[in-house]
């Protein structure tokens, strides 16, 4: 099922993720509250990806006679993507290229490589479970978190507790906040988001999506985040904002708006680019590493150009990998 509006918004969301990951316009203590509130808009991106993924999976599960086969295909694909890119980033390609380019001799290169990978493997050997959870790179946590959310959605459909999944996740969220200090809140947040995506999928045949409702929810989410910033003094980097009710409501509103306007962006290139969102997500830190050392990004317009360059390189690389059957599933 192709919904052009969701693919269109995926492009916007992945650019927001790039902005978050490069710490663009990171707080220095001098920004106004209005400016920080503006920056919280970027936080809709991650829950939007959770919501949309759960929405499409739930539709497939409800329209197939073999739910196990569909779920197995989804989870295997996510695990393949996760393991491949975790090992890829463990390789540390930028550092490897730098060492090879600046080596004085084969012997010195050997010892420098040994030292590089000894340091790289230390976190894996010291905390293997932690490595499995976050993939050893700051962005890869999203993939196992998504797999967990989709698994929860699937189990709720199989065992008929779909209506209770959100509240179960909300209870786990509160337990984590109160007793474990946000230990696994991003994973629980995935379940909450996916539960809402599941609920929205149940209305897909009823035509109950309203654009005005989507806009109202998104605005309410922004108001909540604004209150967290202005009244309580949080910034957008705080987990209360990044994995909070305001960001989730912005994402829910965005998805409802997309479902109410499925042809949004159909006449543009954006839906086509949106198909490569997974590829852009997994590869963009690589181009961040390669491009960030250039001095041309030091001005305000330079930040915009930096983000554009990372996105262009990432989507081009994802497109290249998609042209080969062996690597297509790693980026699409």
Protein backbone atom coordinates (compact mmCIF):
# COMPACT_ATOMS: atom_id res chain seq x y z
CA UNK A 1 0.00 0.00 0.00
CA UNK A 2 1.59 3.26 -1.16
CA UNK A 3 0.77 6.46 0.71
CA UNK A 4 2.68 9.27 -0.97
CA UNK A 5 2.25 11.67 1.93
CA UNK A 6 4.03 9.37 4.38
CA UNK A 7 7.00 8.93 2.03
CA UNK A 8 7.03 12.71 1.58
CA UNK A 9 7.12 13.42 5.32
CA UNK A 10 9.79 10.75 5.78
CA UNK A 11 12.16 13.00 3.84
CA UNK A 12 11.40 15.90 6.17
CA UNK A 13 11.78 13.61 9.20
CA UNK A 14 15.15 12.20 8.15
CA UNK A 15 16.52 15.69 7.57
CA UNK A 16 15.32 16.50 11.10
CA UNK A 17 17.24 13.44 12.35
CA UNK A 18 20.40 14.64 10.61
CA UNK A 19 19.97 18.04 12.28
CA UNK A 20 19.65 16.34 15.65
CA UNK A 21 22.65 14.10 15.13
CA UNK A 22 25.05 16.82 14.01
CA UNK A 23 23.97 18.90 17.04
CA UNK A 24 23.07 21.73 14.71
CA UNK A 25 22.39 24.90 16.66
CA UNK A 26 23.19 23.06 19.90
CA UNK A 27 22.33 25.02 23.07
CA UNK A 28 25.13 27.25 24.34
CA UNK A 29 23.14 28.97 27.06
CA UNK A 30 22.44 32.12 25.08
CA UNK A 31 19.49 31.01 22.93
CA UNK A 32 16.02 32.37 23.60
CA UNK A 33 13.21 30.07 24.73
CA UNK A 34 11.39 30.78 21.46
CA UNK A 35 14.38 29.50 19.50
CA UNK A 36 14.65 26.32 21.62
CA UNK A 37 10.91 25.68 21.22
CA UNK A 38 11.38 25.96 17.45
CA UNK A 39 14.10 23.33 17.65
CA UNK A 40 11.80 20.89 19.49
CA UNK A 41 9.85 20.48 16.24
CA UNK A 42 12.67 18.25 14.99
CA UNK A 43 11.79 15.77 17.73
CA UNK A 44 8.70 14.56 15.86
CA UNK A 45 10.93 12.54 13.54
CA UNK A 46 11.80 9.41 15.55
CA UNK A 47 8.27 8.68 16.84
CA UNK A 48 6.94 9.34 13.33
CA UNK A 49 9.15 6.54 11.99
CA UNK A 50 7.90 4.20 14.74
CA UNK A 51 4.27 5.12 14.07
CA UNK A 52 4.44 4.72 10.30
CA UNK A 53 6.29 1.39 10.50
CA UNK A 54 3.75 -0.06 12.94
CA UNK A 55 0.87 1.27 10.83
CA UNK A 56 2.03 -0.56 7.70
CA UNK A 57 2.96 -3.76 9.52
CA UNK A 58 -0.44 -3.92 11.23
CA UNK A 59 -2.19 -3.52 7.86
CA UNK A 60 -0.13 -6.37 6.42
CA UNK A 61 -0.75 -8.63 9.40
CA UNK A 62 -4.51 -8.08 9.23
CA UNK A 63 -4.56 -8.87 5.51
CA UNK A 64 -2.54 -12.07 5.46
CA UNK A 65 -3.25 -15.66 6.36
CA UNK A 66 0.32 -16.21 7.53
CA UNK A 67 1.15 -13.53 10.12
CA UNK A 68 4.20 -15.49 11.26
CA UNK A 69 5.79 -15.29 7.80
CA UNK A 70 5.17 -11.54 7.54
CA UNK A 71 6.57 -10.84 11.01
CA UNK A 72 9.56 -13.11 10.46
CA UNK A 73 10.41 -11.29 7.25
CA UNK A 74 10.21 -7.89 8.98
CA UNK A 75 12.31 -8.90 12.00
CA UNK A 76 14.94 -10.78 9.98
CA UNK A 77 15.36 -7.77 7.71
CA UNK A 78 15.76 -5.39 10.64
CA UNK A 79 18.28 -7.69 12.32
CA UNK A 80 20.26 -8.01 9.10
CA UNK A 81 20.38 -4.23 8.69
CA UNK A 82 21.31 -3.79 12.35
CA UNK A 83 24.11 -6.37 12.43
CA UNK A 84 25.61 -5.29 9.11
CA UNK A 85 25.80 -1.60 10.00
CA UNK A 86 26.95 -2.30 13.56
CA UNK A 87 29.90 -4.25 12.14
CA UNK A 88 30.43 -1.62 9.45
CA UNK A 89 30.78 1.19 12.00
CA UNK A 90 33.00 -1.01 14.14
CA UNK A 91 35.35 -0.99 11.15
CA UNK A 92 35.61 2.83 11.55
CA UNK A 93 36.21 3.57 7.89
CA UNK A 94 37.22 7.27 8.29
CA UNK A 95 39.91 6.39 10.83
CA UNK A 96 41.08 3.45 8.72
CA UNK A 97 41.45 5.60 5.61
CA UNK A 98 43.32 8.25 7.62
CA UNK A 99 45.78 5.69 8.99
CA UNK A 100 46.43 4.11 5.59
CA UNK A 101 46.89 7.51 3.93
CA UNK A 102 49.36 8.74 6.57
CA UNK A 103 51.29 5.56 7.33
CA UNK A 104 55.07 5.87 7.33
CA UNK A 105 55.71 2.17 6.88
CA UNK A 106 53.95 -1.16 6.77
CA UNK A 107 55.15 -1.95 10.28
CA UNK A 108 53.85 1.32 11.75
CA UNK A 109 50.54 0.86 9.92
CA UNK A 110 50.20 -2.60 11.44
CA UNK A 111 50.69 -1.38 15.00
CA UNK A 112 48.45 1.63 14.51
CA UNK A 113 45.71 -0.61 13.14
CA UNK A 114 46.13 -2.98 16.09
CA UNK A 115 45.78 -0.05 18.49
CA UNK A 116 42.76 1.33 16.62
CA UNK A 117 40.79 -1.90 16.72
CA UNK A 118 41.86 -2.72 20.25
CA UNK A 119 40.22 0.54 21.30
CA UNK A 120 37.21 -0.13 19.07
CA UNK A 121 36.66 -3.63 20.47
CA UNK A 122 37.10 -2.63 24.11
CA UNK A 123 33.51 -1.41 24.57
CA UNK A 124 32.24 -4.58 22.89
CA UNK A 125 34.19 -6.95 25.10
CA UNK A 126 33.58 -4.93 28.27
CA UNK A 127 29.84 -4.53 27.72
CA UNK A 128 28.65 -6.92 25.04
CA UNK A 129 25.01 -6.60 26.08
CA UNK A 130 25.25 -2.82 25.77
CA UNK A 131 26.76 -3.23 22.31
CA UNK A 132 23.83 -5.43 21.26
CA UNK A 133 21.37 -2.83 22.53
CA UNK A 134 22.86 0.25 20.88
CA UNK A 135 24.95 -1.19 18.04
CA UNK A 136 28.07 0.67 19.09
CA UNK A 137 26.97 3.81 17.22
CA UNK A 138 24.77 6.59 18.54
CA UNK A 139 21.94 6.10 16.01
CA UNK A 140 21.68 2.33 15.65
CA UNK A 141 19.62 1.88 18.85
CA UNK A 142 16.61 2.82 16.72
CA UNK A 143 16.63 -0.48 14.80
CA UNK A 144 16.36 -2.95 17.73
CA UNK A 145 13.93 -0.54 19.41
CA UNK A 146 11.77 -0.61 16.26
CA UNK A 147 12.00 -4.40 16.13
CA UNK A 148 10.79 -4.57 19.73
CA UNK A 149 7.88 -2.23 19.00
CA UNK A 150 6.83 -4.19 15.93
CA UNK A 151 7.10 -7.46 17.84
CA UNK A 152 4.82 -6.03 20.53
CA UNK A 153 2.32 -4.96 17.86
CA UNK A 154 2.37 -8.41 16.29
CA UNK A 155 1.89 -10.23 19.59
CA UNK A 156 -1.00 -7.93 20.51
CA UNK A 157 -2.75 -8.82 17.24
CA UNK A 158 -2.13 -12.54 17.62
CA UNK A 159 -3.25 -12.69 21.26
CA UNK A 160 -6.05 -10.11 20.91
CA UNK A 161 -4.86 -7.43 23.34
CA UNK A 162 -4.42 -4.58 20.85
CA UNK A 163 -6.51 -2.15 22.88
CA UNK A 164 -4.34 -2.68 25.95
CA UNK A 165 -0.90 -2.40 24.36
CA UNK A 166 -0.65 1.39 24.71
CA UNK A 167 -1.57 1.34 28.40
CA UNK A 168 0.82 -1.50 29.09
CA UNK A 169 3.63 0.48 27.44
CA UNK A 170 2.61 3.62 29.34
CA UNK A 171 2.86 1.75 32.65
CA UNK A 172 6.31 0.44 31.71
CA UNK A 173 7.30 4.00 30.75
CA UNK A 174 6.26 5.34 34.17
CA UNK A 175 8.01 2.49 36.00
CA UNK A 176 11.19 3.23 34.07
CA UNK A 177 11.00 6.97 34.80
CA UNK A 178 10.19 6.56 38.50
CA UNK A 179 12.44 3.65 39.43
CA UNK A 180 15.12 3.17 36.78
CA UNK A 181 15.94 6.75 35.79
CA UNK A 182 15.09 6.58 32.05
CA UNK A 183 17.15 3.39 31.69
CA UNK A 184 15.29 2.05 28.66
CA UNK A 185 12.80 4.76 27.90
CA UNK A 186 13.62 4.89 24.20
CA UNK A 187 12.65 1.23 23.83
CA UNK A 188 9.42 1.69 25.78
CA UNK A 189 8.77 4.83 23.74
CA UNK A 190 8.98 2.67 20.63
CA UNK A 191 6.28 0.36 21.99
CA UNK A 192 4.01 3.31 22.86
CA UNK A 193 4.50 4.82 19.41
CA UNK A 194 3.96 1.51 17.63
CA UNK A 195 0.81 0.90 19.71
CA UNK A 196 -0.64 4.17 18.42
CA UNK A 197 0.34 3.23 14.86
CA UNK A 198 -1.50 -0.05 15.41
CA UNK A 199 -4.60 1.83 16.61
CA UNK A 200 -4.57 4.15 13.60
CA UNK A 201 -4.33 1.16 11.26
CA UNK A 202 -7.58 -0.21 12.70
CA UNK A 203 -9.37 2.88 11.38
CA UNK A 204 -7.88 2.63 7.89
CA UNK A 205 -11.00 1.15 6.35
CA UNK A 206 -13.34 3.55 8.10
CA UNK A 207 -12.12 6.79 6.56
CA UNK A 208 -11.89 8.47 9.96
CA UNK A 209 -8.73 10.48 9.39
CA UNK A 210 -9.18 14.24 9.59
CA UNK A 211 -6.52 16.72 8.59
CA UNK A 212 -7.75 19.28 11.12
CA UNK A 213 -7.41 16.72 13.93
CA UNK A 214 -3.87 15.96 12.83
CA UNK A 215 -2.94 19.63 12.83
CA UNK A 216 -4.58 20.13 16.24
CA UNK A 217 -2.65 17.24 17.80
CA UNK A 218 0.62 18.43 16.30
CA UNK A 219 -0.03 21.92 17.67
CA UNK A 220 -0.89 20.49 21.11
CA UNK A 221 2.38 18.57 21.08
CA UNK A 222 4.26 21.77 20.28
CA UNK A 223 2.46 23.57 23.12
CA UNK A 224 3.47 20.81 25.57
CA UNK A 225 7.09 21.06 24.49
CA UNK A 226 6.91 24.84 24.72
CA UNK A 227 5.65 24.53 28.30
CA UNK A 228 8.50 22.15 29.14
CA UNK A 229 10.98 24.70 27.79
CA UNK A 230 9.48 27.96 29.04
CA UNK A 231 7.92 26.89 32.35
CA UNK A 232 10.12 24.02 33.48
CA UNK A 233 13.41 25.07 31.87
CA UNK A 234 14.14 21.98 29.80
CA UNK A 235 15.92 22.21 26.46
CA UNK A 236 15.18 20.08 23.42
CA UNK A 237 18.10 17.76 24.14
CA UNK A 238 16.46 16.60 27.38
CA UNK A 239 14.81 13.19 27.30
CA UNK A 240 11.61 14.71 28.75
CA UNK A 241 11.27 16.50 25.41
CA UNK A 242 12.90 14.04 23.02
CA UNK A 243 10.95 11.02 24.33
CA UNK A 244 8.01 12.85 25.85
CA UNK A 245 4.32 13.38 25.22
CA UNK A 246 4.82 16.57 23.20
CA UNK A 247 7.09 15.00 20.60
CA UNK A 248 4.84 11.94 20.38
CA UNK A 249 1.74 14.07 19.80
CA UNK A 250 3.51 16.02 17.05
CA UNK A 251 4.31 12.72 15.33
CA UNK A 252 0.77 11.37 15.78
CA UNK A 253 -0.66 14.57 14.35
CA UNK A 254 1.73 14.37 11.43
CA UNK A 255 0.75 10.79 10.63
CA UNK A 256 -2.99 11.53 10.86
CA UNK A 257 -2.49 14.51 8.56
CA UNK A 258 -0.66 12.25 6.08
CA UNK A 259 -3.43 9.65 6.20
CA UNK A 260 -6.03 12.36 5.59
CA UNK A 261 -4.02 13.64 2.58
CA UNK A 262 -2.50 10.49 1.01
CA UNK A 263 -1.61 12.24 -2.27
CA UNK A 264 0.51 14.91 -0.57
CA UNK A 265 3.77 15.29 -2.53
CA UNK A 266 2.71 12.86 -5.26
CA UNK A 267 3.71 15.24 -8.04
CA UNK A 268 7.19 15.79 -6.56
CA UNK A 269 10.38 13.78 -6.16
CA UNK A 270 9.91 13.53 -2.41
CA UNK A 271 7.98 10.20 -2.27
CA UNK A 272 10.70 8.57 -4.36
CA UNK A 273 13.40 9.96 -2.06
CA UNK A 274 11.37 8.83 0.94
CA UNK A 275 11.84 5.22 -0.10
CA UNK A 276 15.53 5.54 0.79
CA UNK A 277 14.93 6.87 4.30
CA UNK A 278 16.25 3.73 6.01
CA UNK A 279 19.41 3.92 3.92
CA UNK A 280 19.90 7.61 4.73
CA UNK A 281 19.38 6.86 8.41
CA UNK A 282 21.99 4.11 8.64
CA UNK A 283 24.68 5.77 6.51
CA UNK A 284 24.44 9.49 7.34
CA UNK A 285 26.91 9.36 10.30
CA UNK A 286 29.57 8.14 7.85
CA UNK A 287 29.27 11.29 5.75
CA UNK A 288 29.01 13.41 8.89
CA UNK A 289 32.43 12.06 9.86
CA UNK A 290 33.94 12.70 6.43
CA UNK A 291 32.45 16.16 5.86
CA UNK A 292 32.50 17.69 9.34
CA UNK A 293 36.23 18.49 9.21
CA UNK A 294 35.72 20.95 6.35
CA UNK A 295 35.79 24.58 7.45
CA UNK A 296 33.13 25.79 5.01
CA UNK A 297 30.32 24.82 7.41
CA UNK A 298 31.23 27.33 10.13
CA UNK A 299 28.59 29.96 9.31
CA UNK A 300 24.78 29.86 9.62
CA UNK A 301 24.18 29.14 5.93
CA UNK A 302 27.05 26.68 6.21
CA UNK A 303 25.06 24.54 8.63
CA UNK A 304 22.21 24.34 6.13
CA UNK A 305 24.68 23.43 3.39
CA UNK A 306 26.29 20.85 5.68
CA UNK A 307 22.94 19.14 6.31
CA UNK A 308 22.13 19.25 2.59
CA UNK A 309 25.52 17.73 1.74
CA UNK A 310 25.09 14.91 4.27
CA UNK A 311 21.61 14.14 2.96
CA UNK A 312 22.67 14.26 -0.70
CA UNK A 313 25.67 11.97 -0.11
CA UNK A 314 23.62 9.59 2.04
CA UNK A 315 20.67 9.28 -0.34
CA UNK A 316 23.04 8.86 -3.30
CA UNK A 317 24.94 6.10 -1.50
CA UNK A 318 21.67 4.42 -0.49
CA UNK A 319 20.45 4.59 -4.08
CA UNK A 320 23.71 3.03 -5.29
CA UNK A 321 23.39 0.14 -2.81
CA UNK A 322 19.75 -0.36 -3.81
CA UNK A 323 20.81 -1.10 -7.38
CA UNK A 324 22.38 -4.40 -6.30
CA UNK A 325 20.26 -7.29 -5.08
CA UNK A 326 22.88 -8.27 -2.51
CA UNK A 327 22.77 -4.90 -0.72
CA UNK A 328 19.25 -3.64 -1.53
CA UNK A 329 17.75 -4.92 1.71
CA UNK A 330 20.35 -2.98 3.71
CA UNK A 331 18.96 0.40 2.67
CA UNK A 332 15.31 -0.11 1.64
